[in-house]
Protein backbone atom coordinates (compact mmCIF):
# COMPACT_ATOMS: atom_id res chain seq x y z
CA MET A 1 -18.72 -16.74 -21.56
CA SER A 2 -15.39 -15.37 -22.78
CA GLU A 3 -12.26 -16.35 -20.89
CA PRO A 4 -10.71 -13.81 -18.51
CA VAL A 5 -7.88 -11.72 -19.95
CA LYS A 6 -4.56 -12.91 -18.59
CA ILE A 7 -2.39 -10.60 -16.52
CA ILE A 8 1.38 -10.30 -16.24
CA ASP A 9 2.12 -8.54 -12.94
CA LEU A 10 5.70 -7.22 -12.66
CA PHE A 11 7.39 -5.83 -9.54
CA ALA A 12 4.22 -7.05 -7.85
CA GLY A 13 5.08 -6.34 -4.20
CA PRO A 14 2.35 -7.91 -2.04
CA GLY A 15 -0.10 -7.76 -4.96
CA GLY A 16 -2.16 -4.56 -4.65
CA LEU A 17 -2.60 -3.96 -8.37
CA GLY A 18 -3.25 -7.63 -9.08
CA GLU A 19 -5.83 -7.84 -6.29
CA GLY A 20 -7.87 -5.02 -7.78
CA PHE A 21 -7.82 -6.44 -11.29
CA SER A 22 -8.55 -10.02 -10.28
CA ALA A 23 -11.48 -8.85 -8.12
CA TYR A 24 -13.22 -7.03 -10.97
CA ARG A 25 -16.20 -9.16 -11.98
CA PRO A 26 -18.79 -7.40 -14.14
CA GLU A 27 -22.11 -9.26 -13.87
CA GLY A 28 -20.38 -11.83 -11.70
CA LYS A 29 -17.96 -12.89 -14.45
CA GLN A 30 -14.21 -12.68 -13.93
CA ALA A 31 -12.77 -10.15 -16.39
CA PHE A 32 -9.07 -10.67 -15.58
CA LYS A 33 -6.96 -13.51 -14.26
CA ILE A 34 -3.40 -13.24 -13.02
CA ALA A 35 -1.30 -15.61 -15.10
CA ILE A 36 1.98 -14.73 -13.41
CA SER A 37 3.07 -12.27 -10.73
CA ILE A 38 6.75 -11.53 -10.28
CA GLU A 39 8.42 -10.24 -7.11
CA LYS A 40 11.98 -10.60 -5.80
CA GLU A 41 11.58 -9.85 -2.06
CA ASP A 42 10.98 -13.00 -0.01
CA SER A 43 8.26 -11.89 2.40
CA ALA A 44 6.29 -10.08 -0.33
CA HIS A 45 6.56 -13.18 -2.51
CA ARG A 46 5.23 -15.31 0.34
CA THR A 47 2.27 -12.95 0.64
CA LEU A 48 1.69 -13.21 -3.12
CA LEU A 49 1.79 -17.01 -2.91
CA LEU A 50 -0.75 -17.10 -0.10
CA ARG A 51 -3.09 -14.76 -1.96
CA SER A 52 -2.64 -16.71 -5.17
CA LEU A 53 -3.67 -19.83 -3.28
CA PHE A 54 -6.80 -18.04 -2.05
CA ARG A 55 -7.70 -17.16 -5.66
CA GLN A 56 -7.53 -20.80 -6.77
CA PHE A 57 -10.90 -21.33 -5.09
CA ASP A 58 -14.33 -19.89 -5.83
CA HIS A 59 -15.16 -17.27 -3.22
CA ASP A 60 -17.70 -19.50 -1.48
CA LYS A 61 -15.49 -22.58 -1.58
CA VAL A 62 -12.30 -21.46 0.18
CA PRO A 63 -11.38 -24.28 2.58
CA GLU A 64 -11.84 -23.75 6.30
CA ALA A 65 -8.12 -24.45 6.69
CA TYR A 66 -7.40 -21.05 5.13
CA TYR A 67 -9.57 -19.28 7.69
CA SER A 68 -8.03 -21.31 10.50
CA PHE A 69 -4.69 -19.96 9.31
CA LEU A 70 -6.01 -16.38 9.35
CA ARG A 71 -7.40 -16.79 12.84
CA GLY A 72 -4.06 -18.06 14.14
CA GLU A 73 -5.43 -21.50 14.98
CA LEU A 74 -2.62 -23.48 13.38
CA GLY A 75 0.68 -24.48 15.02
CA LYS A 76 4.12 -22.90 15.35
CA HIS A 77 4.72 -23.08 11.59
CA PRO A 78 1.32 -22.05 10.24
CA GLU A 79 2.32 -21.55 6.59
CA ASP A 80 3.84 -25.02 6.37
CA GLU A 81 0.87 -26.55 8.14
CA LEU A 82 -1.57 -24.79 5.83
CA TYR A 83 0.27 -25.83 2.69
CA GLN A 84 0.34 -29.47 3.81
CA HIS A 85 -3.40 -29.56 4.46
CA PRO A 86 -5.17 -32.08 2.16
CA ASP A 87 -7.73 -29.47 1.05
CA ILE A 88 -4.92 -27.15 0.01
CA LYS A 89 -2.10 -29.24 -1.46
CA GLU A 90 -3.61 -29.92 -4.86
CA HIS A 91 -4.10 -26.19 -5.50
CA LEU A 92 -0.72 -25.13 -4.16
CA GLU A 93 1.17 -26.04 -7.33
CA LYS A 94 -1.06 -23.76 -9.41
CA ALA A 95 -0.41 -20.97 -6.93
CA LYS A 96 3.35 -21.54 -7.15
CA LYS A 97 3.25 -21.26 -10.93
CA GLU A 98 1.40 -17.97 -10.63
CA ALA A 99 3.47 -16.33 -7.88
CA GLN A 100 7.10 -16.37 -9.04
CA LYS A 101 10.11 -15.21 -7.05
CA ILE A 102 12.19 -13.56 -9.77
CA GLU A 103 14.55 -10.59 -9.75
CA LEU A 104 14.09 -8.73 -13.01
CA GLY A 105 17.33 -7.33 -14.35
CA LYS A 106 19.34 -10.05 -12.62
CA ASP A 107 17.78 -13.42 -13.43
CA LYS A 108 18.35 -14.69 -16.97
CA PRO A 109 15.92 -13.03 -19.40
CA THR A 110 15.43 -16.25 -21.40
CA GLU A 111 14.24 -18.05 -18.26
CA VAL A 112 11.97 -15.15 -17.31
CA TYR A 113 10.47 -15.05 -20.80
CA LYS A 114 9.86 -18.80 -20.75
CA LYS A 115 7.96 -18.62 -17.46
CA ILE A 116 5.81 -15.78 -18.79
CA ARG A 117 5.33 -17.56 -22.11
CA ASP A 118 4.19 -20.73 -20.35
CA ALA A 119 1.86 -18.75 -18.08
CA ILE A 120 0.00 -16.87 -20.82
CA ASP A 121 0.14 -19.83 -23.23
CA GLY A 122 -0.07 -17.82 -26.44
CA ASP A 123 -3.08 -15.77 -25.32
CA GLU A 124 -3.51 -12.03 -25.42
CA CYS A 125 -2.65 -10.35 -22.13
CA ILE A 126 -2.31 -7.11 -20.23
CA LEU A 127 0.65 -5.95 -18.16
CA ILE A 128 0.53 -4.22 -14.78
CA GLY A 129 3.14 -3.15 -12.24
CA GLY A 130 5.47 -0.40 -11.15
CA PRO A 131 9.28 -0.52 -11.25
CA PRO A 132 10.91 0.16 -7.84
CA CYS A 133 10.73 3.82 -6.93
CA GLN A 134 13.64 4.33 -4.49
CA ALA A 135 15.81 6.06 -7.09
CA TYR A 136 12.99 8.43 -8.12
CA SER A 137 11.40 9.33 -4.79
CA LEU A 138 12.35 12.60 -3.10
CA VAL A 139 13.58 10.72 -0.03
CA GLY A 140 15.64 8.31 -2.12
CA ARG A 141 17.20 11.11 -4.10
CA ALA A 142 18.08 12.98 -0.91
CA ARG A 143 19.83 9.87 0.40
CA ASN A 144 21.71 9.43 -2.86
CA ALA A 145 22.80 13.08 -2.83
CA GLY A 146 24.40 12.45 0.54
CA LYS A 147 26.55 9.63 -0.81
CA LYS A 148 30.00 10.89 -1.70
CA ASP A 149 30.63 8.60 -4.67
CA TYR A 150 27.05 8.29 -5.95
CA VAL A 151 26.67 8.54 -9.76
CA ASP A 152 23.07 8.44 -10.95
CA THR A 153 23.92 6.99 -14.39
CA GLU A 154 25.58 4.02 -12.67
CA ASP A 155 22.60 3.24 -10.42
CA HIS A 156 20.85 0.23 -11.99
CA ARG A 157 17.60 1.10 -10.20
CA ASN A 158 17.20 4.12 -12.48
CA TYR A 159 16.90 1.75 -15.42
CA LEU A 160 14.71 -1.03 -14.01
CA TYR A 161 11.81 0.42 -15.99
CA LYS A 162 13.54 -1.03 -19.06
CA GLU A 163 12.81 -4.52 -17.73
CA TYR A 164 9.16 -3.49 -17.92
CA LEU A 165 9.74 -2.28 -21.49
CA LYS A 166 11.29 -5.60 -22.48
CA ILE A 167 8.19 -7.49 -21.39
CA ILE A 168 5.98 -5.10 -23.35
CA SER A 169 8.16 -5.50 -26.44
CA LYS A 170 8.30 -9.28 -26.08
CA PHE A 171 4.64 -10.08 -25.35
CA GLN A 172 2.81 -7.08 -26.83
CA PRO A 173 0.08 -6.73 -24.19
CA LYS A 174 -3.16 -5.09 -25.24
CA VAL A 175 -2.87 -2.63 -22.38
CA PHE A 176 -0.36 -1.83 -19.66
CA VAL A 177 -0.73 0.05 -16.38
CA MET A 178 2.51 1.45 -14.97
CA GLU A 179 2.66 3.08 -11.53
CA ASN A 180 5.34 5.10 -9.78
CA VAL A 181 5.93 7.86 -7.24
CA LYS A 182 5.21 11.50 -8.03
CA GLY A 183 8.92 12.23 -7.64
CA ILE A 184 9.55 10.53 -10.99
CA LEU A 185 8.28 13.69 -12.71
CA SER A 186 11.20 15.74 -11.42
CA ALA A 187 13.86 13.02 -11.17
CA LYS A 188 16.91 13.47 -13.38
CA VAL A 189 19.50 10.97 -14.60
CA GLY A 190 22.52 12.41 -16.35
CA ASN A 191 20.94 15.87 -15.96
CA GLU A 192 17.93 14.83 -18.07
CA LYS A 193 14.42 14.25 -16.75
CA ILE A 194 13.85 10.51 -16.58
CA PHE A 195 10.07 10.76 -16.99
CA ASP A 196 10.34 12.20 -20.50
CA SER A 197 12.56 9.29 -21.51
CA ILE A 198 10.27 6.72 -19.92
CA ARG A 199 7.14 8.04 -21.63
CA GLU A 200 8.90 8.17 -24.99
CA ASP A 201 10.25 4.64 -24.54
CA LEU A 202 6.82 3.30 -23.55
CA GLN A 203 5.37 4.59 -26.80
CA ASN A 204 7.85 2.53 -28.80
CA PRO A 205 9.33 -0.16 -26.53
CA TYR A 206 11.14 -2.00 -29.34
CA ASN A 207 13.22 1.08 -30.21
CA ALA A 208 14.23 1.34 -26.55
CA THR A 209 15.08 -2.33 -25.97
CA LYS A 210 15.59 -4.04 -29.36
CA VAL A 211 13.76 -7.02 -27.86
CA LYS A 212 11.77 -8.71 -30.61
CA ALA A 213 8.16 -9.69 -30.21
CA ASP A 214 7.60 -13.33 -29.32
CA LYS A 215 6.78 -15.74 -32.11
CA GLY A 216 3.25 -15.22 -33.34
CA ARG A 217 3.01 -11.69 -31.94
CA LYS A 218 3.14 -8.55 -34.07
CA LYS A 219 5.24 -5.55 -33.08
CA HIS A 220 3.19 -2.50 -32.06
CA GLU A 221 3.62 0.98 -30.73
CA TYR A 222 1.54 2.28 -27.81
CA LYS A 223 -0.48 5.38 -27.02
CA ILE A 224 -0.14 6.73 -23.48
CA TYR A 225 -3.23 8.04 -21.68
CA SER A 226 -3.99 9.77 -18.40
CA LEU A 227 -6.54 8.00 -16.21
CA VAL A 228 -7.94 11.24 -14.81
CA THR A 229 -8.08 13.77 -17.65
CA LYS A 230 -8.24 13.90 -21.42
CA THR A 231 -4.96 15.10 -22.92
CA ASP A 232 -3.54 15.99 -26.31
CA ASP A 233 -0.45 14.50 -27.95
CA THR A 234 1.86 16.58 -25.73
CA PRO A 235 0.37 16.21 -22.26
CA ASP A 236 1.64 17.95 -19.18
CA PRO A 237 3.43 15.32 -17.07
CA HIS A 238 1.29 16.34 -14.08
CA ASP A 239 -1.79 15.10 -15.96
CA PHE A 240 -0.71 11.58 -14.98
CA ILE A 241 -0.87 12.22 -11.23
CA ILE A 242 -3.72 10.45 -9.46
CA ARG A 243 -4.74 11.96 -6.11
CA THR A 244 -6.35 8.89 -4.64
CA GLU A 245 -8.43 10.70 -2.00
CA ASP A 246 -10.45 12.26 -4.86
CA TYR A 247 -11.48 8.82 -6.10
CA GLY A 248 -12.82 7.12 -2.99
CA ILE A 249 -9.58 5.95 -1.39
CA PRO A 250 -9.22 6.86 2.33
CA GLN A 251 -5.70 8.13 1.78
CA ALA A 252 -4.04 11.19 0.23
CA ARG A 253 -1.70 9.10 -1.90
CA HIS A 254 -0.46 10.93 -5.00
CA ARG A 255 1.04 8.66 -7.62
CA VAL A 256 1.90 8.76 -11.30
CA ILE A 257 0.02 6.11 -13.28
CA LEU A 258 0.36 5.69 -17.02
CA LEU A 259 -2.18 3.79 -19.11
CA GLY A 260 -0.68 2.41 -22.30
CA VAL A 261 -2.98 1.13 -25.05
CA ARG A 262 -1.63 -0.85 -27.99
CA GLN A 263 -1.87 1.24 -31.15
CA ASP A 264 -4.17 -1.15 -33.04
CA ILE A 265 -6.65 -0.84 -30.16
CA ALA A 266 -6.09 2.89 -29.66
CA ASP A 267 -6.93 3.44 -33.35
CA LYS A 268 -10.47 2.16 -32.63
CA LEU A 269 -10.78 4.15 -29.41
CA ASP A 270 -12.53 7.50 -29.70
CA ASP A 271 -12.33 8.15 -25.98
CA PHE A 272 -13.15 6.46 -22.68
CA GLU A 273 -14.58 7.26 -19.28
CA ARG A 274 -11.84 8.04 -16.80
CA LEU A 275 -11.74 7.75 -13.02
CA GLN A 276 -14.69 9.53 -11.44
CA THR A 277 -14.24 11.80 -8.44
CA VAL A 278 -16.37 11.26 -5.32
CA ASP A 279 -18.09 13.86 -3.17
CA ASP A 280 -17.91 12.02 0.16
CA LYS A 281 -14.31 11.12 0.86
CA PRO A 282 -13.81 8.18 3.23
CA THR A 283 -11.77 9.09 6.30
CA VAL A 284 -9.41 7.31 8.64
CA ARG A 285 -12.17 7.04 11.25
CA HIS A 286 -14.53 5.52 8.67
CA VAL A 287 -12.15 2.69 7.85
CA ILE A 288 -10.49 1.79 11.17
CA SER A 289 -12.89 2.73 13.99
CA ASP A 290 -14.44 -0.76 14.13
CA LEU A 291 -11.08 -2.42 14.78
CA PRO A 292 -10.23 -3.55 18.33
CA ASN A 293 -8.79 -0.87 20.60
CA LEU A 294 -5.20 -1.73 21.48
CA ARG A 295 -2.36 -0.35 23.53
CA SER A 296 1.22 -0.35 22.35
CA ARG A 297 3.84 -2.42 24.04
CA LEU A 298 6.79 -0.92 25.88
CA SER A 299 10.18 -1.19 24.26
CA LYS A 300 13.44 -1.04 26.19
CA SER A 301 11.60 -1.69 29.46
CA LYS A 302 9.50 -4.43 31.04
CA ASP A 303 6.08 -4.54 29.42
CA SER A 304 2.70 -4.95 31.09
CA THR A 305 -0.61 -3.14 30.92
CA ASP A 306 -0.01 -1.49 34.30
CA ALA A 307 3.52 -0.47 33.35
CA TRP A 308 2.27 0.97 30.04
CA ARG A 309 -0.47 2.98 31.73
CA ASP A 310 1.83 4.19 34.49
CA SER A 311 4.44 5.26 31.95
CA ILE A 312 1.95 7.56 30.26
CA VAL A 313 -0.08 8.78 33.22
CA ARG A 314 2.89 9.58 35.36
CA MET A 315 4.11 12.48 33.29
CA ASN A 316 5.76 13.95 36.36
CA GLU A 317 4.53 17.14 37.96
CA GLU A 318 7.48 19.11 36.60
CA MET A 319 6.62 18.06 33.04
CA LEU A 320 2.93 18.88 33.43
CA GLY A 321 3.85 22.20 34.99
CA GLN A 322 6.03 23.07 32.02
CA LEU A 323 3.25 22.09 29.64
CA LYS A 324 0.75 24.26 31.48
CA ASN A 325 3.04 27.28 31.34
CA ASP A 326 4.27 26.75 27.78
CA ASP A 327 2.92 29.31 25.29
CA HIS A 328 2.88 26.57 22.62
CA VAL A 329 0.20 24.67 24.54
CA PRO A 330 -3.35 26.07 24.13
CA ASN A 331 -5.41 25.89 27.32
CA LYS A 332 -8.02 23.62 25.75
CA VAL A 333 -5.27 21.20 24.67
CA TYR A 334 -3.80 21.13 28.18
CA ASN A 335 -7.22 20.55 29.77
CA GLU A 336 -8.02 17.80 27.30
CA LEU A 337 -4.63 16.23 27.95
CA ILE A 338 -5.42 16.00 31.68
CA ASP A 339 -8.74 14.30 30.81
CA GLN A 340 -7.01 11.88 28.46
CA LEU A 341 -4.41 10.96 31.06
CA GLU A 342 -7.26 9.95 33.35
CA LYS A 343 -8.88 7.92 30.57
CA ILE A 344 -5.62 6.01 30.08
CA LEU A 345 -6.40 4.28 33.38
CA LYS A 346 -9.30 2.58 31.58
CA SER A 347 -7.48 2.20 28.29
CA PRO A 348 -7.18 -1.00 26.25
CA SER A 349 -5.16 -3.83 27.75
CA LYS A 350 -4.65 -5.90 24.59
CA THR A 351 -1.74 -5.51 22.19
CA GLY A 352 -3.06 -7.75 19.42
CA LYS A 353 -0.94 -10.79 20.24
CA ASP A 354 -4.06 -12.43 21.65
CA LYS A 355 -5.69 -15.17 19.60
CA GLY A 356 -9.27 -14.66 18.52
CA LEU A 357 -9.02 -10.87 18.18
CA LYS A 358 -12.40 -9.50 17.04
CA ARG A 359 -13.49 -6.25 15.50
CA SER A 360 -16.68 -4.51 16.59
CA LYS A 361 -19.75 -6.75 16.31
CA SER A 362 -21.78 -3.67 15.39
CA GLY A 363 -19.97 -3.82 12.07
CA TYR A 364 -18.09 -1.26 10.02
CA ASN A 365 -18.49 2.45 10.69
CA GLU A 366 -22.01 3.44 9.63
CA LYS A 367 -20.63 6.29 7.52
CA LEU A 368 -18.41 3.98 5.48
CA SER A 369 -19.90 3.50 2.02
CA SER A 370 -21.63 0.20 1.31
CA GLU A 371 -19.23 -0.22 -1.61
CA LEU A 372 -16.16 -0.13 0.66
CA GLN A 373 -17.86 -2.25 3.34
CA LYS A 374 -18.48 -4.93 0.74
CA TRP A 375 -14.89 -4.57 -0.46
CA TYR A 376 -13.35 -5.15 2.98
CA LYS A 377 -15.77 -7.80 4.23
CA ASP A 378 -15.52 -11.58 4.08
CA ASP A 379 -18.48 -13.32 5.71
CA GLU A 380 -16.44 -16.47 6.27
CA LEU A 381 -13.92 -14.49 8.28
CA GLY A 382 -16.72 -13.10 10.42
CA TYR A 383 -15.52 -10.53 12.94
CA SER A 384 -12.02 -11.97 13.21
CA ILE A 385 -9.20 -9.59 12.37
CA VAL A 386 -5.62 -10.32 11.29
CA ASN A 387 -2.29 -8.43 11.19
CA HIS A 388 -3.58 -6.19 13.99
CA GLU A 389 -0.73 -6.19 16.50
CA THR A 390 0.98 -3.16 18.00
CA ARG A 391 4.68 -2.43 18.11
CA GLY A 392 6.66 -1.27 21.11
CA HIS A 393 7.36 2.38 21.88
CA ILE A 394 9.76 4.03 24.29
CA VAL A 395 8.19 6.02 27.14
CA SER A 396 9.27 9.44 25.87
CA ASP A 397 7.56 8.74 22.53
CA LEU A 398 4.37 7.72 24.32
CA HIS A 399 4.34 11.16 25.97
CA ARG A 400 4.70 12.77 22.55
CA TYR A 401 2.03 10.55 21.00
CA ILE A 402 -0.61 11.36 23.59
CA TYR A 403 0.17 15.06 23.34
CA TYR A 404 0.11 15.04 19.54
CA SER A 405 -3.14 13.06 19.30
CA THR A 406 -4.77 15.29 21.94
CA PHE A 407 -3.64 18.40 20.09
CA ALA A 408 -5.05 17.04 16.80
CA LYS A 409 -8.35 16.18 18.49
CA LYS A 410 -8.88 19.66 19.91
CA MET A 411 -7.23 21.83 17.25
CA LYS A 412 -8.39 19.79 14.21
CA VAL A 413 -4.88 19.71 12.78
CA SER A 414 -1.81 17.56 13.27
CA PRO A 415 0.78 19.76 14.99
CA LYS A 416 4.14 20.61 13.50
CA SER A 417 7.41 20.46 15.42
CA ASN A 418 7.08 24.13 16.37
CA ASN A 419 3.85 23.21 18.19
CA LEU A 420 5.65 20.66 20.33
CA PRO A 421 6.51 21.96 23.82
CA ARG A 422 10.23 21.97 24.50
CA VAL A 423 9.84 19.53 27.39
CA LEU A 424 8.68 16.93 24.85
CA TRP A 425 11.35 17.58 22.25
CA PRO A 426 13.24 14.45 21.13
CA ASN A 427 16.98 14.37 21.58
CA HIS A 428 17.77 15.49 18.03
CA ASP A 429 20.28 18.14 17.13
CA ASN A 430 18.72 21.14 15.41
CA PHE A 431 15.15 19.97 16.11
CA ASP A 432 14.07 23.62 16.00
CA THR A 433 15.43 24.27 12.47
CA GLY A 434 12.21 23.31 10.73
CA LYS A 435 13.75 20.26 9.06
CA PHE A 436 11.82 18.06 11.49
CA ALA A 437 8.45 19.79 11.03
CA ASP A 438 6.70 16.50 10.28
CA ARG A 439 8.83 14.26 12.48
CA PHE A 440 5.59 13.28 14.21
CA ARG A 441 2.21 13.21 12.50
CA VAL A 442 -1.27 12.22 13.64
CA GLN A 443 -3.58 10.43 11.22
CA ARG A 444 -6.51 12.78 11.66
CA ALA A 445 -9.78 10.99 12.30
CA ASP A 446 -12.01 12.95 9.95
CA HIS A 447 -9.70 13.22 6.96
CA PRO A 448 -8.23 10.72 4.51
CA GLY A 449 -4.95 9.31 5.80
CA THR A 450 -1.62 10.66 4.68
CA THR A 451 0.40 8.52 2.29
CA VAL A 452 1.20 5.15 3.78
CA THR A 453 4.85 4.54 2.89
CA SER A 454 7.37 1.84 3.72
CA HIS A 455 8.79 4.26 6.33
CA ILE A 456 5.97 3.11 8.59
CA SER A 457 8.17 0.09 9.26
CA LYS A 458 10.80 2.27 10.95
CA ASP A 459 9.23 3.96 13.96
CA GLY A 460 5.60 4.87 13.33
CA HIS A 461 6.08 8.57 14.18
CA TYR A 462 4.34 9.64 10.94
CA PHE A 463 1.38 7.38 11.68
CA ILE A 464 0.08 8.18 15.16
CA HIS A 465 -3.42 6.87 15.91
CA TYR A 466 -5.97 9.66 16.30
CA GLU A 467 -7.39 8.29 19.56
CA PRO A 468 -5.30 9.48 22.55
CA LYS A 469 -6.29 6.62 24.86
CA GLN A 470 -4.69 4.12 22.46
CA CYS A 471 -1.49 6.21 22.42
CA ARG A 472 0.38 4.36 19.67
CA SER A 473 1.18 4.19 15.99
CA LEU A 474 -0.98 2.35 13.46
CA THR A 475 -0.97 -1.42 13.18
CA VAL A 476 -0.38 -3.27 9.92
CA ARG A 477 -4.13 -3.92 9.58
CA GLU A 478 -4.99 -0.27 10.12
CA ALA A 479 -2.45 0.73 7.47
CA ALA A 480 -3.85 -2.00 5.20
CA ARG A 481 -7.39 -0.65 5.69
CA ILE A 482 -6.21 2.82 4.68
CA GLN A 483 -4.59 1.18 1.65
CA THR A 484 -7.93 -0.65 0.97
CA PHE A 485 -6.72 -4.22 1.31
CA PRO A 486 -9.61 -6.61 2.05
CA ASP A 487 -9.79 -7.95 5.61
CA ASN A 488 -8.96 -11.49 4.45
CA TYR A 489 -5.70 -10.31 2.85
CA TYR A 490 -2.92 -11.64 5.06
CA PHE A 491 0.59 -10.18 5.05
CA VAL A 492 3.31 -12.76 5.66
CA GLY A 493 6.65 -12.13 7.37
CA ASN A 494 7.67 -10.33 10.53
CA ARG A 495 5.84 -7.12 11.42
CA THR A 496 8.53 -4.88 9.89
CA GLN A 497 8.27 -6.77 6.59
CA GLN A 498 4.48 -6.54 6.73
CA TYR A 499 4.63 -2.76 7.15
CA VAL A 500 7.02 -2.45 4.19
CA GLN A 501 4.71 -4.52 1.99
CA VAL A 502 1.67 -2.41 2.83
CA GLY A 503 3.59 0.84 2.33
CA ASN A 504 4.94 -0.19 -1.07
CA ALA A 505 1.59 -1.35 -2.47
CA VAL A 506 -0.91 0.20 -4.86
CA PRO A 507 -4.34 0.57 -3.18
CA PRO A 508 -6.31 -2.46 -4.45
CA PHE A 509 -9.62 -0.56 -4.55
CA LEU A 510 -8.02 2.01 -6.88
CA ALA A 511 -6.75 -0.86 -9.04
CA PHE A 512 -10.29 -2.25 -9.08
CA LYS A 513 -11.54 1.04 -10.52
CA ILE A 514 -8.75 1.08 -13.10
CA ALA A 515 -9.63 -2.49 -14.06
CA LYS A 516 -13.14 -1.32 -14.92
CA ILE A 517 -11.68 1.24 -17.34
CA VAL A 518 -9.28 -1.26 -18.90
CA ASN A 519 -12.07 -3.81 -19.35
CA LYS A 520 -14.20 -1.29 -21.24
CA ILE A 521 -11.29 -0.31 -23.49
CA ILE A 522 -10.61 -3.93 -24.38
CA SER A 523 -14.30 -4.75 -24.83
CA THR A 524 -15.03 -1.83 -27.14
CA SER A 525 -12.03 -2.67 -29.33
CA CYS A 526 -13.23 -6.19 -30.15
């Protein structure tokens, strides 16, 4: 049996790309092994460390202490208690060597190179990861445009991709997979499109960085491929966009992913099978309907189940009267709303803070593919569920949430701001200008979810649960399901940090499919 190919995972976040690659096991044999994953943010690094620890064990030999941690059975400091457990301690040092807290572009390159060098130990490797996207995303660029003294050529984030280039130039991986937001295709720095520069630099990383290949490694150029379509030598930049919902991911996440193949391998490569589209797209309902029904908590007021129910049900008569007489409110939506308000009286009482939270014992949704069921499931975890706790919402938002989710249920579309009755308008200036059209958005039950972004950590308005009686935004676990993280993947940190991690990640199941392609490319080149 050949040894797994070692992986360098840069800008790893909580480890979505690495999870997919490390999980790929053709004929039960591990094809890839993460040698080192690098992330600067503390909570994401803690998540990486915990997952790295999990991977130190064979799948059927993970200590019970790990599952006790997941089920919330440890004390007030569960991470510390887990890491001190005798069944864990001897493997923790290996995990710490794999999951490194490093800030690329700031920490000394010589020290970074040494840690990578020690991790791959002279072996061939592949490189995965995506440089931070804030400077390239449409939202990030809009924020920057609003800054009086902002100069794009002086923003170091626009050049963090060069840290990725340096690692390519230094360690000459056989293959690299680089991910970023779709906005990178139109982003400009110094009035020039940054994507054109990045693609050119990736083809010849030494010319871009002047970083010499490590001792014993030969300098190479790279050929850049699309993972979804065959291209010529001058591809359209849009050929690199992957629309994840077309490939079995329950989310309409559109990202740019570049596949770089070292020239000596590309020379032997006639062509390869790319990502295959699927006919039956998994939906939000398919992937989260088995999770426990929860209510939100109340923020800025005393919380209890009765108070929560009363806050929603007691939309006062004046408000209901205005809704009934508002031309924006279809009759069938109003009638359904009245029914849903009555159902709230029998709505869930749990918020997810309870220990021993269980998903449906009937199992995953019967329409969820067996492939995805197997992907999410861990028999040792049983029906326990983690990271499934609701946030608090103010009363006025609860009224909007139940109206929006009811509207989506009856009209089969998430309403825009111009569908929102005036009595439910938030206190925003110019709410009727159209700039706030998607200020609130329901995750429609029978469609793939919309893109899970780090903004979910802010207020949840873009991520309203489709079921009116739950009247809330998505939990971290629901967002993680839409992102295809396995159920035993635990996100460390406070809830806000957990949301950010999930929103910034690459869907692991997509990475798993990319790993299959990369494995075939490497295998056929030998």
